[in-house]
Protein backbone atom coordinates (compact mmCIF):
# COMPACT_ATOMS: atom_id res chain seq x y z
CA MET A 1 91.56 116.06 98.07
CA LYS A 2 93.86 118.96 96.36
CA ILE A 3 96.33 117.69 94.26
CA SER A 4 99.19 119.96 95.20
CA ILE A 5 102.55 120.45 93.60
CA ARG A 6 104.28 118.14 96.11
CA ARG A 7 101.83 115.41 95.15
CA LEU A 8 102.29 115.93 91.45
CA VAL A 9 105.86 115.88 92.00
CA VAL A 10 105.48 112.36 93.81
CA ILE A 11 103.12 111.04 91.14
CA ALA A 12 105.72 111.92 88.41
CA MET A 13 108.70 110.49 90.50
CA LEU A 14 106.90 107.27 91.55
CA GLY A 15 105.50 106.78 88.27
CA ALA A 16 108.74 107.22 86.64
CA ILE A 17 110.06 104.63 88.90
CA SER A 18 106.97 102.41 87.84
CA ILE A 19 107.87 102.71 84.29
CA VAL A 20 111.45 101.84 84.54
CA LEU A 21 110.46 98.87 86.57
CA GLY A 22 107.91 97.56 83.98
CA LEU A 23 110.15 98.23 81.01
CA THR A 24 113.34 96.58 83.02
CA PRO A 25 113.77 93.41 84.41
CA LEU A 26 114.25 95.24 87.46
CA GLY A 27 110.46 94.99 88.18
CA PHE A 28 110.11 91.19 87.89
CA ILE A 29 111.29 88.14 89.91
CA PRO A 30 112.03 84.96 88.26
CA ILE A 31 110.48 82.30 90.01
CA PRO A 32 111.72 78.77 89.09
CA PHE A 33 109.64 76.77 87.07
CA SER A 34 107.04 79.08 86.55
CA PRO A 35 105.74 80.61 83.18
CA VAL A 36 105.48 84.02 84.86
CA ASN A 37 107.49 86.31 86.96
CA ALA A 38 106.62 87.91 90.61
CA THR A 39 106.64 91.61 90.49
CA ILE A 40 107.67 94.53 92.75
CA MET A 41 106.10 97.15 90.49
CA HIS A 42 103.23 97.53 92.94
CA ILE A 43 105.59 98.80 95.82
CA PRO A 44 105.43 102.32 94.43
CA VAL A 45 101.81 102.26 94.42
CA ILE A 46 101.92 101.30 98.16
CA ILE A 47 104.69 103.89 98.97
CA GLY A 48 102.59 106.92 97.21
CA THR A 49 99.40 106.01 98.67
CA ILE A 50 100.76 105.94 102.49
CA MET A 51 102.53 108.92 101.99
CA GLU A 52 100.42 111.01 99.93
CA GLY A 53 96.89 109.58 100.11
CA PRO A 54 94.80 107.39 97.60
CA ILE A 55 94.82 109.98 94.62
CA VAL A 56 98.39 109.90 94.29
CA GLY A 57 98.42 106.05 94.90
CA LEU A 58 95.53 105.77 92.15
CA CYS A 59 97.46 107.97 89.62
CA VAL A 60 100.81 105.61 90.22
CA ALA A 61 98.66 102.52 90.11
CA LEU A 62 97.34 103.51 86.37
CA ILE A 63 100.62 104.10 85.35
CA PHE A 64 101.43 100.57 86.64
CA GLY A 65 98.54 99.22 84.91
CA VAL A 66 99.36 100.93 81.65
CA THR A 67 102.83 99.97 81.61
CA SER A 68 101.73 96.30 82.03
CA MET A 69 99.67 96.79 79.02
CA TYR A 70 102.33 98.22 77.03
CA GLN A 71 104.61 95.20 78.14
CA ALA A 72 102.05 92.55 76.78
CA VAL A 73 102.04 94.36 73.57
CA THR A 74 105.95 95.14 73.14
CA ASN A 75 107.09 91.91 74.98
CA PRO A 76 104.69 89.28 74.36
CA THR A 77 104.76 85.63 76.07
CA PRO A 78 102.15 82.87 75.63
CA VAL A 79 100.00 84.53 78.37
CA SER A 80 100.59 88.27 77.52
CA PHE A 81 97.45 88.40 75.99
CA VAL A 82 95.28 88.44 79.32
CA PHE A 83 97.25 92.04 80.14
CA LEU A 84 95.42 93.64 77.16
CA ASP A 85 92.22 93.57 79.07
CA PRO A 86 92.17 96.57 81.21
CA LEU A 87 89.98 94.65 83.68
CA VAL A 88 93.11 92.47 84.36
CA ALA A 89 95.92 95.11 83.84
CA ILE A 90 94.49 98.21 85.55
CA VAL A 91 91.60 97.41 87.94
CA PRO A 92 93.45 95.45 90.32
CA ARG A 93 96.37 97.74 90.36
CA LEU A 94 94.04 100.60 91.23
CA LEU A 95 92.48 98.38 94.10
CA ILE A 96 95.77 98.37 95.65
CA ALA A 97 95.96 102.13 96.36
CA MET A 98 92.62 101.64 98.19
CA THR A 99 93.26 98.82 100.21
CA SER A 100 96.79 99.84 101.14
CA TYR A 101 95.45 103.13 102.30
CA TYR A 102 92.47 101.88 104.32
CA THR A 103 94.85 99.15 106.08
CA TYR A 104 97.65 101.98 106.97
CA ARG A 105 94.90 104.15 108.30
CA GLY A 106 93.02 101.59 110.12
CA ILE A 107 96.45 100.51 111.85
CA GLN A 108 97.07 104.15 112.74
CA LYS A 109 93.99 104.44 114.46
CA LEU A 110 94.59 101.45 116.94
CA PHE A 111 97.48 103.58 118.10
CA ALA A 112 97.02 106.39 120.55
CA ASN A 113 100.31 108.04 119.03
CA LYS A 114 99.86 107.85 115.42
CA GLY A 115 103.17 109.25 114.63
CA ASN A 116 105.15 106.81 116.65
CA LYS A 117 107.75 104.60 115.00
CA THR A 118 105.81 101.51 116.02
CA ALA A 119 102.63 102.68 114.53
CA ILE A 120 104.65 103.68 111.32
CA ARG A 121 106.16 100.47 110.82
CA VAL A 122 103.28 98.12 111.79
CA GLY A 123 100.99 100.19 109.49
CA SER A 124 103.61 100.11 106.50
CA GLY A 125 103.83 96.50 106.94
CA PHE A 126 100.42 95.84 106.85
CA ALA A 127 99.56 98.05 104.13
CA ALA A 128 102.34 96.55 102.04
CA ALA A 129 100.95 92.98 102.71
CA VAL A 130 97.32 93.68 101.95
CA GLY A 131 98.26 95.89 98.96
CA THR A 132 100.53 92.96 97.62
CA PHE A 133 97.84 90.36 98.10
CA THR A 134 95.08 92.81 96.53
CA ASN A 135 97.40 92.90 93.41
CA THR A 136 97.95 89.15 93.09
CA ALA A 137 94.57 88.05 94.10
CA GLY A 138 92.87 90.65 91.86
CA VAL A 139 95.12 89.71 88.95
CA LEU A 140 94.74 86.18 89.20
CA SER A 141 91.27 86.20 90.04
CA THR A 142 90.31 88.50 87.07
CA ILE A 143 92.15 86.22 84.70
CA TYR A 144 90.40 83.14 85.94
CA LEU A 145 86.92 84.88 85.40
CA ARG A 146 87.45 86.38 82.10
CA HIS A 147 90.17 84.60 80.29
CA GLY A 148 90.67 80.88 82.25
CA ILE A 149 90.08 78.77 79.29
CA GLN A 150 92.36 80.61 76.96
CA TYR A 151 95.01 81.10 79.68
CA GLY A 152 94.78 77.43 80.21
CA GLU A 153 95.17 76.45 76.51
CA ALA A 154 98.30 78.83 76.32
CA LEU A 155 100.01 77.00 79.04
CA GLY A 156 98.67 73.46 78.25
CA VAL A 157 96.57 73.28 81.42
CA SER A 158 93.28 71.27 81.46
CA GLN A 159 89.78 73.58 81.66
CA GLU A 160 89.36 71.76 84.94
CA GLY A 161 92.68 72.36 86.14
CA VAL A 162 93.16 76.34 85.58
CA GLY A 163 91.77 77.37 88.83
CA ALA A 164 94.22 75.12 90.62
CA PHE A 165 97.34 76.41 88.58
CA LEU A 166 96.35 79.96 89.26
CA LEU A 167 96.07 79.27 93.05
CA GLY A 168 99.33 77.71 92.93
CA VAL A 169 100.79 80.59 91.01
CA GLY A 170 99.20 82.89 93.80
CA VAL A 171 100.75 81.06 96.71
CA SER A 172 104.26 80.60 94.76
CA HIS A 173 104.30 84.32 93.62
CA GLY A 174 102.23 85.71 96.12
CA ILE A 175 104.32 84.76 99.26
CA PRO A 176 107.68 86.18 98.05
CA GLU A 177 106.10 89.13 96.85
CA ILE A 178 104.54 90.17 100.30
CA ILE A 179 107.66 89.44 102.05
CA VAL A 180 109.67 91.75 99.58
CA ALA A 181 107.03 94.32 99.56
CA ILE A 182 107.18 94.65 103.59
CA LEU A 183 110.87 94.33 103.71
CA ILE A 184 111.15 97.48 101.16
CA VAL A 185 108.03 99.51 102.46
CA ILE A 186 108.93 99.61 106.01
CA PRO A 187 112.17 101.05 105.93
CA VAL A 188 110.99 103.75 103.11
CA ILE A 189 108.14 104.72 104.80
CA SER A 190 110.17 105.32 108.10
CA ALA A 191 112.75 107.14 106.40
CA LEU A 192 110.13 109.56 104.23
CA LYS A 193 107.98 110.06 107.56
CA ARG A 194 111.21 111.27 109.24
CA THR A 195 112.08 113.39 106.41
CA TYR A 196 108.89 114.74 106.17
CA LYS A 197 108.71 116.05 109.80
């Protein structure tokens, strides 16, 4: 896939949005009684992927992941150390682009007229949900597999209870993140598709 000037501009624009979201409170949604925040930082990745394809999505996802690592260094919390690991901070974010892209493409193939409003809305909604789930499940499962014991110790959770704790975080954070992503991605993609035409 050729990287055109337009794609470079989209990468720069969505990358800048990701950086602003990552370096300010705008990208984080406080969840009551939780040691970690929900995030909307994956939304630019999903939008870039749907509009311009997986290469653009991967570039924006890389910016998202690097920003997470930067935040872990400059604004540490008791569990920030897990985001110093590129397999936690970057790899799941790259997967957002791939799962969003193939979900959107798959939904489009189900519709006879791929450009109609319903196809765009349904595809965008499913891509937003799958991309968000990929982020949440990918990050939390990688934390569990690579840093589960240390993560539990940092939060005062027993070794046996780390899995259940992370599952709880996934449900309490993942569901609001999916809903917010769907509510943002569908109208943004619909508007951009009209503009691109």
